[in-house]
N, C-alpha and C. Protein backbone atom coordinates (compact mmCIF):
# COMPACT_ATOMS: atom_id res chain seq x y z
N MET A 1 -18.55 0.07 -10.49
CA MET A 1 -18.16 -1.24 -10.02
C MET A 1 -18.11 -2.19 -11.21
N LEU A 2 -17.07 -2.97 -11.25
CA LEU A 2 -16.96 -3.99 -12.29
C LEU A 2 -17.68 -5.25 -11.85
N ILE A 3 -18.37 -5.85 -12.81
CA ILE A 3 -18.99 -7.15 -12.57
C ILE A 3 -18.63 -8.06 -13.73
N ALA A 4 -18.84 -9.34 -13.52
CA ALA A 4 -18.58 -10.33 -14.56
C ALA A 4 -19.83 -11.18 -14.75
N LEU A 5 -20.18 -11.39 -16.00
CA LEU A 5 -21.27 -12.32 -16.30
C LEU A 5 -20.68 -13.71 -16.37
N ILE A 6 -21.43 -14.68 -15.82
CA ILE A 6 -20.94 -16.05 -15.69
C ILE A 6 -21.88 -16.99 -16.44
N SER A 7 -21.28 -17.92 -17.16
CA SER A 7 -22.05 -19.00 -17.77
C SER A 7 -21.41 -20.30 -17.31
N GLY A 8 -22.07 -20.97 -16.39
CA GLY A 8 -21.49 -22.19 -15.80
C GLY A 8 -20.30 -21.79 -14.94
N SER A 9 -19.11 -22.24 -15.34
CA SER A 9 -17.89 -21.88 -14.62
C SER A 9 -16.99 -20.99 -15.48
N THR A 10 -17.60 -20.37 -16.51
CA THR A 10 -16.84 -19.53 -17.43
C THR A 10 -17.27 -18.07 -17.31
N VAL A 11 -16.30 -17.18 -17.32
CA VAL A 11 -16.57 -15.75 -17.34
C VAL A 11 -16.78 -15.35 -18.80
N THR A 12 -17.95 -14.78 -19.10
CA THR A 12 -18.27 -14.43 -20.49
C THR A 12 -18.09 -12.94 -20.79
N ASN A 13 -18.17 -12.09 -19.75
CA ASN A 13 -18.06 -10.66 -19.98
C ASN A 13 -17.68 -9.98 -18.68
N VAL A 14 -16.84 -8.96 -18.77
CA VAL A 14 -16.46 -8.16 -17.61
C VAL A 14 -16.64 -6.70 -17.99
N GLY A 15 -17.28 -5.94 -17.12
CA GLY A 15 -17.45 -4.53 -17.39
C GLY A 15 -18.18 -3.83 -16.26
N ASP A 16 -18.37 -2.53 -16.44
CA ASP A 16 -19.12 -1.76 -15.46
C ASP A 16 -20.58 -2.20 -15.50
N TYR A 17 -21.19 -2.35 -14.34
CA TYR A 17 -22.56 -2.87 -14.29
C TYR A 17 -23.54 -2.00 -15.05
N ARG A 18 -23.28 -0.68 -15.13
CA ARG A 18 -24.19 0.20 -15.85
C ARG A 18 -24.07 0.02 -17.36
N GLU A 19 -22.89 -0.38 -17.82
CA GLU A 19 -22.69 -0.64 -19.25
C GLU A 19 -23.24 -2.01 -19.64
N ILE A 20 -23.08 -3.00 -18.76
CA ILE A 20 -23.58 -4.34 -19.06
C ILE A 20 -25.11 -4.37 -19.01
N PHE A 21 -25.69 -3.58 -18.10
CA PHE A 21 -27.14 -3.50 -17.97
C PHE A 21 -27.58 -2.05 -18.17
N PRO A 22 -27.46 -1.52 -19.39
CA PRO A 22 -27.73 -0.09 -19.61
C PRO A 22 -29.19 0.31 -19.42
N ASP A 23 -30.12 -0.62 -19.54
CA ASP A 23 -31.53 -0.29 -19.42
C ASP A 23 -32.09 -0.57 -18.03
N THR A 24 -31.20 -0.77 -17.07
CA THR A 24 -31.63 -1.06 -15.71
C THR A 24 -31.32 0.14 -14.82
N SER A 25 -32.25 0.48 -13.97
CA SER A 25 -32.06 1.57 -13.01
C SER A 25 -31.56 0.97 -11.70
N PHE A 26 -30.45 1.48 -11.22
CA PHE A 26 -29.85 0.97 -9.99
C PHE A 26 -29.94 2.03 -8.90
N PRO A 27 -30.03 1.62 -7.65
CA PRO A 27 -30.03 2.59 -6.54
C PRO A 27 -28.63 3.21 -6.41
N PRO A 28 -28.51 4.30 -5.68
CA PRO A 28 -27.20 4.94 -5.50
C PRO A 28 -26.13 4.01 -4.93
N SER A 29 -26.55 3.01 -4.18
CA SER A 29 -25.59 2.06 -3.60
C SER A 29 -25.03 1.09 -4.64
N GLY A 30 -25.60 1.08 -5.83
CA GLY A 30 -25.10 0.21 -6.90
C GLY A 30 -25.86 -1.09 -6.99
N VAL A 31 -25.21 -2.06 -7.57
CA VAL A 31 -25.83 -3.35 -7.82
C VAL A 31 -25.88 -4.18 -6.53
N SER A 32 -26.99 -4.87 -6.32
CA SER A 32 -27.14 -5.67 -5.11
C SER A 32 -26.69 -7.11 -5.35
N ASP A 33 -26.42 -7.81 -4.27
CA ASP A 33 -26.05 -9.22 -4.36
C ASP A 33 -27.19 -10.04 -4.97
N GLU A 34 -28.42 -9.68 -4.64
CA GLU A 34 -29.57 -10.39 -5.19
C GLU A 34 -29.64 -10.22 -6.72
N PHE A 35 -29.38 -9.00 -7.20
CA PHE A 35 -29.39 -8.74 -8.63
C PHE A 35 -28.31 -9.56 -9.32
N LEU A 36 -27.12 -9.60 -8.73
CA LEU A 36 -26.02 -10.37 -9.31
C LEU A 36 -26.40 -11.84 -9.42
N LEU A 37 -26.95 -12.39 -8.35
CA LEU A 37 -27.35 -13.79 -8.34
C LEU A 37 -28.41 -14.07 -9.40
N ALA A 38 -29.40 -13.20 -9.50
CA ALA A 38 -30.49 -13.39 -10.46
C ALA A 38 -30.02 -13.26 -11.91
N ASN A 39 -28.89 -12.58 -12.13
CA ASN A 39 -28.41 -12.34 -13.49
C ASN A 39 -27.10 -13.06 -13.80
N SER A 40 -26.81 -14.12 -13.05
CA SER A 40 -25.59 -14.91 -13.25
C SER A 40 -24.35 -14.02 -13.37
N ALA A 41 -24.17 -13.19 -12.36
CA ALA A 41 -23.04 -12.27 -12.35
C ALA A 41 -22.35 -12.31 -10.99
N LYS A 42 -21.10 -11.88 -10.98
CA LYS A 42 -20.32 -11.79 -9.75
C LYS A 42 -19.54 -10.48 -9.76
N LYS A 43 -19.20 -10.01 -8.57
CA LYS A 43 -18.36 -8.83 -8.44
C LYS A 43 -16.94 -9.18 -8.90
N VAL A 44 -16.25 -8.16 -9.43
CA VAL A 44 -14.88 -8.33 -9.90
C VAL A 44 -13.93 -7.68 -8.90
N ASN A 45 -12.84 -8.36 -8.63
CA ASN A 45 -11.83 -7.86 -7.70
C ASN A 45 -10.52 -7.69 -8.44
N LEU A 46 -9.90 -6.51 -8.28
CA LEU A 46 -8.62 -6.22 -8.91
C LEU A 46 -7.46 -6.39 -7.94
N PHE A 47 -7.75 -6.94 -6.76
CA PHE A 47 -6.73 -7.14 -5.73
C PHE A 47 -6.85 -8.54 -5.16
N LYS A 48 -5.72 -9.08 -4.78
CA LYS A 48 -5.69 -10.37 -4.09
C LYS A 48 -4.68 -10.25 -2.96
N ALA A 49 -5.02 -10.74 -1.79
CA ALA A 49 -4.12 -10.64 -0.64
C ALA A 49 -2.79 -11.31 -0.96
N HIS A 50 -1.70 -10.63 -0.60
CA HIS A 50 -0.37 -11.18 -0.85
C HIS A 50 0.65 -10.44 0.00
N ASP A 51 1.83 -11.00 0.12
CA ASP A 51 2.95 -10.35 0.81
C ASP A 51 3.71 -9.56 -0.23
N SER A 52 3.58 -8.25 -0.20
CA SER A 52 4.18 -7.42 -1.24
C SER A 52 5.71 -7.43 -1.22
N ASN A 53 6.30 -7.96 -0.15
CA ASN A 53 7.76 -8.07 -0.11
C ASN A 53 8.27 -9.18 -1.02
N THR A 54 7.48 -10.24 -1.16
CA THR A 54 7.96 -11.40 -1.93
C THR A 54 7.06 -11.78 -3.10
N HIS A 55 5.90 -11.14 -3.19
CA HIS A 55 4.96 -11.48 -4.26
C HIS A 55 4.49 -10.23 -5.00
N LYS A 56 3.93 -10.45 -6.16
CA LYS A 56 3.40 -9.34 -6.95
C LYS A 56 2.08 -9.77 -7.57
N LEU A 57 1.27 -8.77 -7.91
CA LEU A 57 0.02 -9.04 -8.62
C LEU A 57 0.27 -8.89 -10.10
N VAL A 58 -0.24 -9.84 -10.87
CA VAL A 58 -0.05 -9.84 -12.32
C VAL A 58 -1.42 -9.95 -12.97
N SER A 59 -1.68 -9.09 -13.95
CA SER A 59 -2.94 -9.15 -14.69
C SER A 59 -3.07 -10.49 -15.38
N CYS A 60 -4.31 -10.96 -15.45
CA CYS A 60 -4.56 -12.26 -16.09
C CYS A 60 -5.98 -12.28 -16.64
N GLU A 61 -6.29 -13.34 -17.31
CA GLU A 61 -7.65 -13.54 -17.79
C GLU A 61 -8.56 -13.71 -16.57
N PRO A 62 -9.80 -13.24 -16.65
CA PRO A 62 -10.69 -13.36 -15.50
C PRO A 62 -10.93 -14.82 -15.10
N TYR A 63 -10.95 -15.04 -13.80
CA TYR A 63 -11.25 -16.38 -13.29
C TYR A 63 -12.09 -16.27 -12.02
N ILE A 64 -12.87 -17.30 -11.78
CA ILE A 64 -13.78 -17.33 -10.63
C ILE A 64 -13.06 -17.98 -9.45
N ASP A 65 -13.17 -17.33 -8.30
CA ASP A 65 -12.63 -17.88 -7.06
C ASP A 65 -13.63 -17.55 -5.96
N GLY A 66 -14.48 -18.50 -5.63
CA GLY A 66 -15.51 -18.27 -4.63
C GLY A 66 -16.57 -17.31 -5.14
N GLU A 67 -16.81 -16.27 -4.37
CA GLU A 67 -17.85 -15.30 -4.72
C GLU A 67 -17.33 -14.18 -5.62
N TRP A 68 -16.07 -14.25 -6.00
CA TRP A 68 -15.46 -13.17 -6.78
C TRP A 68 -14.93 -13.67 -8.12
N VAL A 69 -14.81 -12.72 -9.05
CA VAL A 69 -14.05 -12.94 -10.27
C VAL A 69 -12.82 -12.06 -10.16
N TYR A 70 -11.65 -12.64 -10.34
CA TYR A 70 -10.39 -11.91 -10.22
C TYR A 70 -9.79 -11.65 -11.59
N LEU A 71 -9.13 -10.49 -11.69
CA LEU A 71 -8.42 -10.13 -12.91
C LEU A 71 -6.91 -10.10 -12.67
N VAL A 72 -6.51 -10.59 -11.48
CA VAL A 72 -5.09 -10.64 -11.13
C VAL A 72 -4.79 -11.97 -10.47
N THR A 73 -3.54 -12.35 -10.55
CA THR A 73 -3.06 -13.53 -9.86
C THR A 73 -1.81 -13.14 -9.08
N VAL A 74 -1.47 -13.91 -8.07
CA VAL A 74 -0.29 -13.64 -7.25
C VAL A 74 0.86 -14.50 -7.77
N GLU A 75 2.01 -13.84 -8.02
CA GLU A 75 3.20 -14.56 -8.45
C GLU A 75 4.37 -14.18 -7.57
N ASN A 76 5.35 -15.07 -7.47
CA ASN A 76 6.57 -14.78 -6.72
C ASN A 76 7.36 -13.71 -7.45
N LYS A 77 7.96 -12.80 -6.69
CA LYS A 77 8.88 -11.83 -7.28
C LYS A 77 10.21 -12.54 -7.53
N THR A 78 10.91 -12.07 -8.54
CA THR A 78 12.25 -12.61 -8.79
C THR A 78 13.21 -12.01 -7.78
N ALA A 79 14.37 -12.61 -7.64
CA ALA A 79 15.39 -12.09 -6.73
C ALA A 79 15.76 -10.65 -7.12
N GLU A 80 15.79 -10.39 -8.43
CA GLU A 80 16.12 -9.04 -8.91
C GLU A 80 15.04 -8.03 -8.52
N GLU A 81 13.76 -8.44 -8.60
CA GLU A 81 12.67 -7.56 -8.22
C GLU A 81 12.69 -7.27 -6.72
N ILE A 82 12.98 -8.29 -5.93
CA ILE A 82 13.06 -8.11 -4.48
C ILE A 82 14.21 -7.17 -4.13
N ALA A 83 15.35 -7.36 -4.78
CA ALA A 83 16.51 -6.49 -4.53
C ALA A 83 16.21 -5.05 -4.94
N ALA A 84 15.54 -4.87 -6.07
CA ALA A 84 15.19 -3.52 -6.53
C ALA A 84 14.21 -2.86 -5.56
N ASP A 85 13.23 -3.61 -5.08
CA ASP A 85 12.27 -3.08 -4.11
C ASP A 85 12.97 -2.69 -2.81
N THR A 86 13.88 -3.53 -2.36
CA THR A 86 14.61 -3.24 -1.13
C THR A 86 15.45 -1.98 -1.28
N GLU A 87 16.11 -1.85 -2.42
CA GLU A 87 16.93 -0.65 -2.65
C GLU A 87 16.06 0.60 -2.75
N SER A 88 14.89 0.47 -3.35
CA SER A 88 13.97 1.60 -3.44
C SER A 88 13.49 2.02 -2.05
N LYS A 89 13.13 1.04 -1.21
CA LYS A 89 12.71 1.34 0.16
C LYS A 89 13.85 2.00 0.93
N ALA A 90 15.06 1.49 0.73
CA ALA A 90 16.23 2.05 1.42
C ALA A 90 16.45 3.50 1.00
N ALA A 91 16.29 3.79 -0.28
CA ALA A 91 16.46 5.16 -0.77
C ALA A 91 15.40 6.08 -0.18
N GLN A 92 14.17 5.59 -0.06
CA GLN A 92 13.10 6.39 0.55
C GLN A 92 13.38 6.66 2.02
N VAL A 93 13.85 5.65 2.74
CA VAL A 93 14.18 5.82 4.15
C VAL A 93 15.31 6.84 4.31
N ARG A 94 16.34 6.72 3.47
CA ARG A 94 17.46 7.67 3.54
C ARG A 94 16.98 9.09 3.24
N ALA A 95 16.12 9.24 2.25
CA ALA A 95 15.60 10.57 1.90
C ALA A 95 14.80 11.16 3.05
N ASN A 96 13.94 10.34 3.67
CA ASN A 96 13.17 10.81 4.83
C ASN A 96 14.09 11.17 5.99
N ARG A 97 15.05 10.30 6.25
CA ARG A 97 16.01 10.56 7.33
C ARG A 97 16.77 11.85 7.08
N ASN A 98 17.24 12.05 5.85
CA ASN A 98 17.99 13.26 5.52
C ASN A 98 17.14 14.52 5.68
N ALA A 99 15.87 14.42 5.30
CA ALA A 99 14.97 15.56 5.46
C ALA A 99 14.75 15.88 6.94
N LEU A 100 14.59 14.85 7.77
CA LEU A 100 14.42 15.06 9.20
C LEU A 100 15.68 15.66 9.82
N LEU A 101 16.84 15.20 9.39
CA LEU A 101 18.09 15.78 9.89
C LEU A 101 18.22 17.24 9.47
N SER A 102 17.93 17.53 8.22
CA SER A 102 18.02 18.91 7.74
C SER A 102 17.09 19.83 8.50
N ALA A 103 15.90 19.33 8.82
CA ALA A 103 14.91 20.16 9.51
C ALA A 103 15.35 20.54 10.93
N CYS A 104 16.27 19.80 11.50
CA CYS A 104 16.68 20.12 12.87
C CYS A 104 18.18 20.42 12.98
N ASP A 105 18.83 20.70 11.85
CA ASP A 105 20.25 21.10 11.89
C ASP A 105 20.47 22.28 12.82
N TRP A 106 19.54 23.21 12.80
CA TRP A 106 19.68 24.44 13.57
C TRP A 106 19.84 24.18 15.07
N THR A 107 19.34 23.03 15.55
CA THR A 107 19.39 22.76 16.99
C THR A 107 20.81 22.54 17.49
N GLN A 108 21.73 22.26 16.58
CA GLN A 108 23.10 21.95 16.99
C GLN A 108 24.10 23.06 16.69
N LEU A 109 23.62 24.19 16.21
CA LEU A 109 24.51 25.32 15.96
C LEU A 109 25.10 25.81 17.29
N PRO A 110 26.37 26.17 17.29
CA PRO A 110 27.01 26.53 18.56
C PRO A 110 26.41 27.77 19.23
N ASP A 111 25.84 28.68 18.45
CA ASP A 111 25.30 29.89 19.06
C ASP A 111 23.82 29.77 19.41
N ILE A 112 23.27 28.55 19.35
CA ILE A 112 21.87 28.31 19.70
C ILE A 112 21.82 27.69 21.10
N SER A 113 21.00 28.28 21.95
CA SER A 113 20.82 27.75 23.30
C SER A 113 19.36 27.34 23.45
N ILE A 114 19.14 26.03 23.50
CA ILE A 114 17.78 25.52 23.68
C ILE A 114 17.80 24.52 24.84
N PRO A 115 16.69 24.37 25.55
CA PRO A 115 16.65 23.49 26.72
C PRO A 115 16.95 22.01 26.41
N LYS A 116 16.59 21.55 25.23
CA LYS A 116 16.72 20.12 24.92
C LYS A 116 17.85 19.85 23.92
N LYS A 117 18.90 20.62 23.99
CA LYS A 117 19.98 20.47 23.00
C LYS A 117 20.57 19.06 23.01
N THR A 118 20.77 18.49 24.18
CA THR A 118 21.32 17.14 24.28
C THR A 118 20.34 16.11 23.71
N GLU A 119 19.05 16.27 24.01
CA GLU A 119 18.04 15.35 23.49
C GLU A 119 17.98 15.42 21.96
N TRP A 120 18.13 16.64 21.42
CA TRP A 120 18.14 16.79 19.96
C TRP A 120 19.36 16.11 19.36
N ALA A 121 20.50 16.22 20.01
CA ALA A 121 21.71 15.55 19.52
C ALA A 121 21.52 14.04 19.52
N THR A 122 20.89 13.52 20.58
CA THR A 122 20.62 12.08 20.69
C THR A 122 19.66 11.64 19.58
N TYR A 123 18.62 12.43 19.36
CA TYR A 123 17.65 12.14 18.29
C TYR A 123 18.33 12.11 16.93
N ARG A 124 19.18 13.10 16.68
CA ARG A 124 19.88 13.17 15.39
C ARG A 124 20.81 11.96 15.20
N GLN A 125 21.45 11.52 16.27
CA GLN A 125 22.30 10.33 16.17
C GLN A 125 21.46 9.10 15.89
N ALA A 126 20.28 9.00 16.51
CA ALA A 126 19.39 7.87 16.24
C ALA A 126 18.96 7.87 14.77
N LEU A 127 18.73 9.04 14.20
CA LEU A 127 18.40 9.11 12.77
C LEU A 127 19.57 8.62 11.92
N ARG A 128 20.79 9.03 12.27
CA ARG A 128 21.97 8.59 11.50
C ARG A 128 22.16 7.07 11.62
N ASP A 129 21.81 6.52 12.79
CA ASP A 129 22.01 5.08 13.03
C ASP A 129 20.98 4.20 12.34
N ILE A 130 19.94 4.80 11.79
CA ILE A 130 18.88 4.00 11.14
C ILE A 130 19.45 3.08 10.07
N THR A 131 20.41 3.55 9.30
CA THR A 131 20.95 2.71 8.22
C THR A 131 21.80 1.56 8.76
N ASN A 132 22.15 1.60 10.04
CA ASN A 132 22.90 0.50 10.65
C ASN A 132 21.99 -0.52 11.32
N ASP A 133 20.69 -0.22 11.38
CA ASP A 133 19.71 -1.10 12.03
C ASP A 133 19.61 -2.41 11.25
N SER A 134 19.54 -3.52 11.96
CA SER A 134 19.45 -4.83 11.29
C SER A 134 18.16 -4.97 10.49
N LEU A 135 17.14 -4.16 10.82
CA LEU A 135 15.87 -4.22 10.08
C LEU A 135 15.84 -3.27 8.88
N PHE A 136 16.90 -2.47 8.69
CA PHE A 136 16.92 -1.51 7.59
C PHE A 136 16.67 -2.23 6.28
N PRO A 137 15.78 -1.75 5.39
CA PRO A 137 15.10 -0.46 5.42
C PRO A 137 13.73 -0.48 6.09
N ASN A 138 13.36 -1.55 6.75
CA ASN A 138 12.05 -1.63 7.42
C ASN A 138 12.18 -1.16 8.88
N VAL A 139 12.44 0.12 9.05
CA VAL A 139 12.72 0.67 10.37
C VAL A 139 11.59 1.57 10.84
N THR A 140 11.62 1.86 12.11
CA THR A 140 10.70 2.83 12.70
C THR A 140 11.51 4.06 13.06
N PHE A 141 11.05 5.21 12.59
CA PHE A 141 11.76 6.45 12.89
C PHE A 141 11.53 6.85 14.34
N PRO A 142 12.58 7.40 14.98
CA PRO A 142 12.40 7.88 16.35
C PRO A 142 11.57 9.18 16.36
N ASN A 143 10.98 9.47 17.49
CA ASN A 143 10.26 10.74 17.66
C ASN A 143 11.24 11.81 18.09
N ASN A 144 11.05 13.03 17.58
CA ASN A 144 11.93 14.11 17.98
C ASN A 144 11.57 14.54 19.41
N PRO A 145 12.49 15.27 20.07
CA PRO A 145 12.27 15.65 21.48
C PRO A 145 11.02 16.50 21.72
N ASP A 146 10.52 17.17 20.70
CA ASP A 146 9.32 17.99 20.87
C ASP A 146 8.04 17.27 20.47
N TYR A 147 8.15 15.98 20.18
CA TYR A 147 6.97 15.21 19.74
C TYR A 147 5.93 15.15 20.85
N VAL A 148 4.70 15.41 20.44
CA VAL A 148 3.56 15.31 21.35
C VAL A 148 2.57 14.34 20.70
N PRO A 149 2.28 13.20 21.33
CA PRO A 149 1.35 12.24 20.72
C PRO A 149 -0.06 12.84 20.62
N ARG A 150 -0.73 12.49 19.55
CA ARG A 150 -2.10 12.94 19.35
C ARG A 150 -3.03 12.14 20.25
N VAL A 151 -3.94 12.85 20.84
CA VAL A 151 -4.95 12.20 21.68
C VAL A 151 -6.20 12.02 20.82
N PRO A 152 -6.69 10.78 20.70
CA PRO A 152 -7.86 10.56 19.83
C PRO A 152 -9.12 11.22 20.36
């Protein structure tokens, strides 16, 4: 676990708690909140909540925000980054869709007789229509005719 030593409102050191306090024995659970408080230290966070569609995390100098020290800040993505992300998602959806179609091509062969042939054809058309969905590439894939939901 990373921690940061604090002097006033300034971060003076960031590192693994075992390296910062090499002569201290810690329990298997790691450093406690009481230990951090007694040693002017805070936990370090490498994540900050953000909307990954429009924002990105960028490394920065450590800063204190409440009970945490952060090593990242949230910045707006550029239009080019958003477009690249969207195209990447679209390519992944197309690849998944193509794999699902390939896996069930056999269901539509003329010499194959299966009970759910029409349902499979409908499923395959729904897969093809995914790229026409107004939410593309943020779509939900349909379930195939043999799908059985898992019971928890």
